[in-house]
PDB file of N, CA and C in Angstrom:
ATOM      1  N   MET A   1     100.270 129.610 132.071  1.00  0.00           N
ATOM      2  CA  MET A   1     101.076 128.439 132.148  1.00  0.00           C
ATOM      3  C   MET A   1     100.801 127.530 130.954  1.00  0.00           C
ATOM      4  N   ALA A   2     101.779 126.810 130.515  1.00  0.00           N
ATOM      5  CA  ALA A   2     101.651 125.930 129.353  1.00  0.00           C
ATOM      6  C   ALA A   2     101.145 124.561 129.783  1.00  0.00           C
ATOM      7  N   ASP A   3     100.490 123.898 128.856  1.00  0.00           N
ATOM      8  CA  ASP A   3     100.024 122.534 129.119  1.00  0.00           C
ATOM      9  C   ASP A   3     101.202 121.585 129.027  1.00  0.00           C
ATOM     10  N   ILE A   4     101.203 120.625 129.904  1.00  0.00           N
ATOM     11  CA  ILE A   4     102.247 119.610 129.900  1.00  0.00           C
ATOM     12  C   ILE A   4     101.851 118.537 128.888  1.00  0.00           C
ATOM     13  N   VAL A   5     102.768 118.206 127.995  1.00  0.00           N
ATOM     14  CA  VAL A   5     102.491 117.223 126.939  1.00  0.00           C
ATOM     15  C   VAL A   5     103.447 116.052 127.104  1.00  0.00           C
ATOM     16  N   ASN A   6     102.863 114.869 127.140  1.00  0.00           N
ATOM     17  CA  ASN A   6     103.676 113.676 127.182  1.00  0.00           C
ATOM     18  C   ASN A   6     104.051 113.347 125.735  1.00  0.00           C
ATOM     19  N   LEU A   7     105.329 113.462 125.415  1.00  0.00           N
ATOM     20  CA  LEU A   7     105.770 113.302 124.038  1.00  0.00           C
ATOM     21  C   LEU A   7     105.559 111.888 123.525  1.00  0.00           C
ATOM     22  N   ARG A   8     105.687 110.908 124.389  1.00  0.00           N
ATOM     23  CA  ARG A   8     105.478 109.517 123.959  1.00  0.00           C
ATOM     24  C   ARG A   8     104.023 109.332 123.537  1.00  0.00           C
ATOM     25  N   GLN A   9     103.087 109.836 124.341  1.00  0.00           N
ATOM     26  CA  GLN A   9     101.679 109.710 123.980  1.00  0.00           C
ATOM     27  C   GLN A   9     101.338 110.511 122.714  1.00  0.00           C
ATOM     28  N   ALA A  10     101.923 111.685 122.582  1.00  0.00           N
ATOM     29  CA  ALA A  10     101.679 112.498 121.387  1.00  0.00           C
ATOM     30  C   ALA A  10     102.188 111.791 120.130  1.00  0.00           C
ATOM     31  N   ARG A  11     103.342 111.148 120.212  1.00  0.00           N
ATOM     32  CA  ARG A  11     103.907 110.445 119.070  1.00  0.00           C
ATOM     33  C   ARG A  11     103.022 109.246 118.694  1.00  0.00           C
ATOM     34  N   LYS A  12     102.533 108.512 119.704  1.00  0.00           N
ATOM     35  CA  LYS A  12     101.665 107.375 119.419  1.00  0.00           C
ATOM     36  C   LYS A  12     100.344 107.839 118.815  1.00  0.00           C
ATOM     37  N   GLN A  13      99.795 108.931 119.315  1.00  0.00           N
ATOM     38  CA  GLN A  13      98.526 109.447 118.768  1.00  0.00           C
ATOM     39  C   GLN A  13      98.703 109.888 117.328  1.00  0.00           C
ATOM     40  N   LYS A  14      99.841 110.515 117.031  1.00  0.00           N
ATOM     41  CA  LYS A  14     100.121 110.930 115.663  1.00  0.00           C
ATOM     42  C   LYS A  14     100.208 109.725 114.739  1.00  0.00           C
ATOM     43  N   ALA A  15     100.844 108.637 115.198  1.00  0.00           N
ATOM     44  CA  ALA A  15     100.957 107.408 114.402  1.00  0.00           C
ATOM     45  C   ALA A  15      99.577 106.792 114.163  1.00  0.00           C
ATOM     46  N   ARG A  16      98.725 106.789 115.198  1.00  0.00           N
ATOM     47  CA  ARG A  16      97.362 106.264 115.032  1.00  0.00           C
ATOM     48  C   ARG A  16      96.563 107.083 114.048  1.00  0.00           C
ATOM     49  N   ASP A  17      96.699 108.383 114.119  1.00  0.00           N
ATOM     50  CA  ASP A  17      95.980 109.260 113.190  1.00  0.00           C
ATOM     51  C   ASP A  17      96.447 109.021 111.757  1.00  0.00           C
ATOM     52  N   GLU A  18      97.739 108.818 111.560  1.00  0.00           N
ATOM     53  CA  GLU A  18      98.291 108.551 110.226  1.00  0.00           C
ATOM     54  C   GLU A  18      97.763 107.215 109.678  1.00  0.00           C
ATOM     55  N   LYS A  19      97.727 106.182 110.534  1.00  0.00           N
ATOM     56  CA  LYS A  19      97.200 104.886 110.103  1.00  0.00           C
ATOM     57  C   LYS A  19      95.725 104.990 109.713  1.00  0.00           C
ATOM     58  N   THR A  20      94.967 105.786 110.453  1.00  0.00           N
ATOM     59  CA  THR A  20      93.553 105.971 110.140  1.00  0.00           C
ATOM     60  C   THR A  20      93.399 106.683 108.796  1.00  0.00           C
ATOM     61  N   ARG A  21      94.217 107.669 108.537  1.00  0.00           N
ATOM     62  CA  ARG A  21      94.149 108.402 107.283  1.00  0.00           C
ATOM     63  C   ARG A  21      94.474 107.488 106.108  1.00  0.00           C
ATOM     64  N   VAL A  22      95.505 106.666 106.262  1.00  0.00           N
ATOM     65  CA  VAL A  22      95.890 105.747 105.181  1.00  0.00           C
ATOM     66  C   VAL A  22      94.784 104.700 104.966  1.00  0.00           C
ATOM     67  N   ALA A  23      94.170 104.227 106.041  1.00  0.00           N
ATOM     68  CA  ALA A  23      93.086 103.262 105.921  1.00  0.00           C
ATOM     69  C   ALA A  23      91.894 103.856 105.167  1.00  0.00           C
ATOM     70  N   GLU A  24      91.580 105.101 105.430  1.00  0.00           N
ATOM     71  CA  GLU A  24      90.481 105.749 104.707  1.00  0.00           C
ATOM     72  C   GLU A  24      90.776 105.861 103.218  1.00  0.00           C
ATOM     73  N   GLN A  25      92.012 106.195 102.886  1.00  0.00           N
ATOM     74  CA  GLN A  25      92.388 106.260 101.476  1.00  0.00           C
ATOM     75  C   GLN A  25      92.277 104.894 100.814  1.00  0.00           C
ATOM     76  N   ASN A  26      92.722 103.841 101.496  1.00  0.00           N
ATOM     77  CA  ASN A  26      92.663 102.491 100.929  1.00  0.00           C
ATOM     78  C   ASN A  26      91.222 102.042 100.737  1.00  0.00           C
ATOM     79  N   ARG A  27      90.350 102.374 101.692  1.00  0.00           N
ATOM     80  CA  ARG A  27      88.941 102.014 101.551  1.00  0.00           C
ATOM     81  C   ARG A  27      88.345 102.719 100.338  1.00  0.00           C
ATOM     82  N   ALA A  28      88.717 103.940 100.104  1.00  0.00           N
ATOM     83  CA  ALA A  28      88.190 104.677  98.959  1.00  0.00           C
ATOM     84  C   ALA A  28      88.700 104.095  97.646  1.00  0.00           C
ATOM     85  N   LEU A  29      89.948 103.661  97.625  1.00  0.00           N
ATOM     86  CA  LEU A  29      90.534 103.128  96.396  1.00  0.00           C
ATOM     87  C   LEU A  29      90.105 101.703  96.116  1.00  0.00           C
ATOM     88  N   HIS A  30      90.076 100.843  97.123  1.00  0.00           N
ATOM     89  CA  HIS A  30      89.912  99.403  96.916  1.00  0.00           C
ATOM     90  C   HIS A  30      88.600  98.846  97.420  1.00  0.00           C
ATOM     91  N   GLY A  31      87.853  99.594  98.162  1.00  0.00           N
ATOM     92  CA  GLY A  31      86.632  99.069  98.755  1.00  0.00           C
ATOM     93  C   GLY A  31      85.533  98.868  97.738  1.00  0.00           C
ATOM     94  N   ARG A  32      84.940  97.728  97.747  1.00  0.00           N
ATOM     95  CA  ARG A  32      83.787  97.442  96.911  1.00  0.00           C
ATOM     96  C   ARG A  32      82.743  96.765  97.786  1.00  0.00           C
ATOM     97  N   SER A  33      81.509  97.025  97.495  1.00  0.00           N
ATOM     98  CA  SER A  33      80.438  96.402  98.273  1.00  0.00           C
ATOM     99  C   SER A  33      80.301  94.938  97.866  1.00  0.00           C
ATOM    100  N   LYS A  34      79.598  94.199  98.676  1.00  0.00           N
ATOM    101  CA  LYS A  34      79.368  92.789  98.406  1.00  0.00           C
ATOM    102  C   LYS A  34      78.592  92.620  97.098  1.00  0.00           C
ATOM    103  N   ALA A  35      77.640  93.509  96.866  1.00  0.00           N
ATOM    104  CA  ALA A  35      76.838  93.444  95.636  1.00  0.00           C
ATOM    105  C   ALA A  35      77.712  93.686  94.402  1.00  0.00           C
ATOM    106  N   GLU A  36      78.658  94.602  94.481  1.00  0.00           N
ATOM    107  CA  GLU A  36      79.539  94.859  93.337  1.00  0.00           C
ATOM    108  C   GLU A  36      80.425  93.651  93.057  1.00  0.00           C
ATOM    109  N   LYS A  37      80.967  93.043  94.114  1.00  0.00           N
ATOM    110  CA  LYS A  37      81.783  91.853  93.932  1.00  0.00           C
ATOM    111  C   LYS A  37      80.981  90.715  93.294  1.00  0.00           C
ATOM    112  N   HIS A  38      79.751  90.529  93.768  1.00  0.00           N
ATOM    113  CA  HIS A  38      78.888  89.463  93.262  1.00  0.00           C
ATOM    114  C   HIS A  38      78.543  89.714  91.782  1.00  0.00           C
ATOM    115  N   ARG A  39      78.243  90.960  91.435  1.00  0.00           N
ATOM    116  CA  ARG A  39      77.933  91.315  90.065  1.00  0.00           C
ATOM    117  C   ARG A  39      79.128  91.037  89.138  1.00  0.00           C
ATOM    118  N   ASP A  40      80.307  91.413  89.573  1.00  0.00           N
ATOM    119  CA  ASP A  40      81.507  91.177  88.763  1.00  0.00           C
ATOM    120  C   ASP A  40      81.783  89.692  88.607  1.00  0.00           C
ATOM    121  N   ARG A  41      81.555  88.914  89.663  1.00  0.00           N
ATOM    122  CA  ARG A  41      81.755  87.462  89.609  1.00  0.00           C
ATOM    123  C   ARG A  41      80.770  86.818  88.629  1.00  0.00           C
ATOM    124  N   LEU A  42      79.514  87.264  88.645  1.00  0.00           N
ATOM    125  CA  LEU A  42      78.525  86.729  87.712  1.00  0.00           C
ATOM    126  C   LEU A  42      78.863  87.071  86.270  1.00  0.00           C
ATOM    127  N   ASN A  43      79.345  88.295  86.042  1.00  0.00           N
ATOM    128  CA  ASN A  43      79.731  88.692  84.683  1.00  0.00           C
ATOM    129  C   ASN A  43      80.896  87.877  84.194  1.00  0.00           C
ATOM    130  N   ALA A  44      81.860  87.593  85.058  1.00  0.00           N
ATOM    131  CA  ALA A  44      83.031  86.814  84.675  1.00  0.00           C
ATOM    132  C   ALA A  44      82.599  85.374  84.346  1.00  0.00           C
ATOM    133  N   ASP A  45      81.703  84.790  85.160  1.00  0.00           N
ATOM    134  CA  ASP A  45      81.221  83.449  84.911  1.00  0.00           C
ATOM    135  C   ASP A  45      80.468  83.372  83.578  1.00  0.00           C
ATOM    136  N   LYS A  46      79.629  84.375  83.308  1.00  0.00           N
ATOM    137  CA  LYS A  46      78.883  84.408  82.078  1.00  0.00           C
ATOM    138  C   LYS A  46      79.816  84.504  80.871  1.00  0.00           C
ATOM    139  N   ALA A  47      80.830  85.327  80.966  1.00  0.00           N
ATOM    140  CA  ALA A  47      81.797  85.461  79.866  1.00  0.00           C
ATOM    141  C   ALA A  47      82.556  84.168  79.647  1.00  0.00           C
ATOM    142  N   GLU A  48      82.942  83.487  80.722  1.00  0.00           N
ATOM    143  CA  GLU A  48      83.667  82.225  80.606  1.00  0.00           C
ATOM    144  C   GLU A  48      82.821  81.151  79.940  1.00  0.00           C
ATOM    145  N   LYS A  49      81.537  81.088  80.299  1.00  0.00           N
ATOM    146  CA  LYS A  49      80.633  80.111  79.673  1.00  0.00           C
ATOM    147  C   LYS A  49      80.461  80.407  78.191  1.00  0.00           C
ATOM    148  N   PHE A  50      80.385  81.687  77.861  1.00  0.00           N
ATOM    149  CA  PHE A  50      80.236  82.073  76.450  1.00  0.00           C
ATOM    150  C   PHE A  50      81.437  81.634  75.644  1.00  0.00           C
ATOM    151  N   VAL A  51      82.631  81.913  76.172  1.00  0.00           N
ATOM    152  CA  VAL A  51      83.854  81.535  75.470  1.00  0.00           C
ATOM    153  C   VAL A  51      83.983  80.039  75.394  1.00  0.00           C
ATOM    154  N   ALA A  52      83.677  79.329  76.461  1.00  0.00           N
ATOM    155  CA  ALA A  52      83.789  77.867  76.468  1.00  0.00           C
ATOM    156  C   ALA A  52      82.819  77.254  75.468  1.00  0.00           C
ATOM    157  N   GLY A  53      81.695  77.857  75.283  1.00  0.00           N
ATOM    158  CA  GLY A  53      80.701  77.324  74.340  1.00  0.00           C
ATOM    159  C   GLY A  53      81.109  77.521  72.886  1.00  0.00           C
ATOM    160  N   HIS A  54      82.026  78.418  72.626  1.00  0.00           N
ATOM    161  CA  HIS A  54      82.444  78.706  71.257  1.00  0.00           C
ATOM    162  C   HIS A  54      83.846  78.168  70.923  1.00  0.00           C
ATOM    163  N   ARG A  55      84.389  77.396  71.812  1.00  0.00           N
ATOM    164  CA  ARG A  55      85.717  76.819  71.563  1.00  0.00           C
ATOM    165  C   ARG A  55      85.622  75.725  70.523  1.00  0.00           C
ATOM    166  N   LEU A  56      86.654  75.603  69.751  1.00  0.00           N
ATOM    167  CA  LEU A  56      86.744  74.522  68.777  1.00  0.00           C
ATOM    168  C   LEU A  56      87.363  73.317  69.412  1.00  0.00           C
ATOM    169  N   ASP A  57      87.132  72.167  68.839  1.00  0.00           N
ATOM    170  CA  ASP A  57      87.715  70.938  69.341  1.00  0.00           C
ATOM    171  C   ASP A  57      89.235  71.001  69.161  1.00  0.00           C
ATOM    172  N   PRO A  58      90.033  70.863  70.198  1.00  0.00           N
ATOM    173  CA  PRO A  58      91.464  71.005  70.069  1.00  0.00           C
ATOM    174  C   PRO A  58      92.122  69.896  69.260  1.00  0.00           C
ATOM    175  N   SER A  59      91.528  68.738  69.143  1.00  0.00           N
ATOM    176  CA  SER A  59      92.147  67.614  68.423  1.00  0.00           C
ATOM    177  C   SER A  59      92.048  67.803  66.905  1.00  0.00           C
ATOM    178  N   GLY A  60      91.104  68.602  66.428  1.00  0.00           N
ATOM    179  CA  GLY A  60      90.937  68.820  65.002  1.00  0.00           C
ATOM    180  C   GLY A  60      90.163  67.711  64.316  1.00  0.00           C
ATOM    181  N   LYS A  61      89.721  66.732  65.039  1.00  0.00           N
ATOM    182  CA  LYS A  61      88.964  65.626  64.452  1.00  0.00           C
ATOM    183  C   LYS A  61      87.466  65.909  64.606  1.00  0.00           C
ATOM    184  N   ASP A  62      86.707  65.408  63.628  1.00  0.00           N
ATOM    185  CA  ASP A  62      85.260  65.555  63.718  1.00  0.00           C
ATOM    186  C   ASP A  62      84.726  64.489  64.667  1.00  0.00           C
ATOM    187  N   LYS A  63      83.766  64.887  65.441  1.00  0.00           N
ATOM    188  CA  LYS A  63      83.154  63.909  66.356  1.00  0.00           C
ATOM    189  C   LYS A  63      82.036  63.175  65.607  1.00  0.00           C
ATOM    190  N   GLN A  64      82.074  61.853  65.679  1.00  0.00           N
ATOM    191  CA  GLN A  64      81.042  61.053  65.021  1.00  0.00           C
ATOM    192  C   GLN A  64      80.578  59.948  65.901  1.00  0.00           C
TER     193      GLN A  64
END
């Protein structure tokens, strides 16, 4: 005898499995640890301070 399958439940389970698969792919592509985010933020801050320290005076006048 064949197993009875509730098609509604099978369709919902298939949709849940698909969402799980897509979520795993997104985590692999976009997931970064807290330490990686912090490191990148510190590097960006350091670069911004470096650039800001080497900017010329926009007015073109000498400070006296």
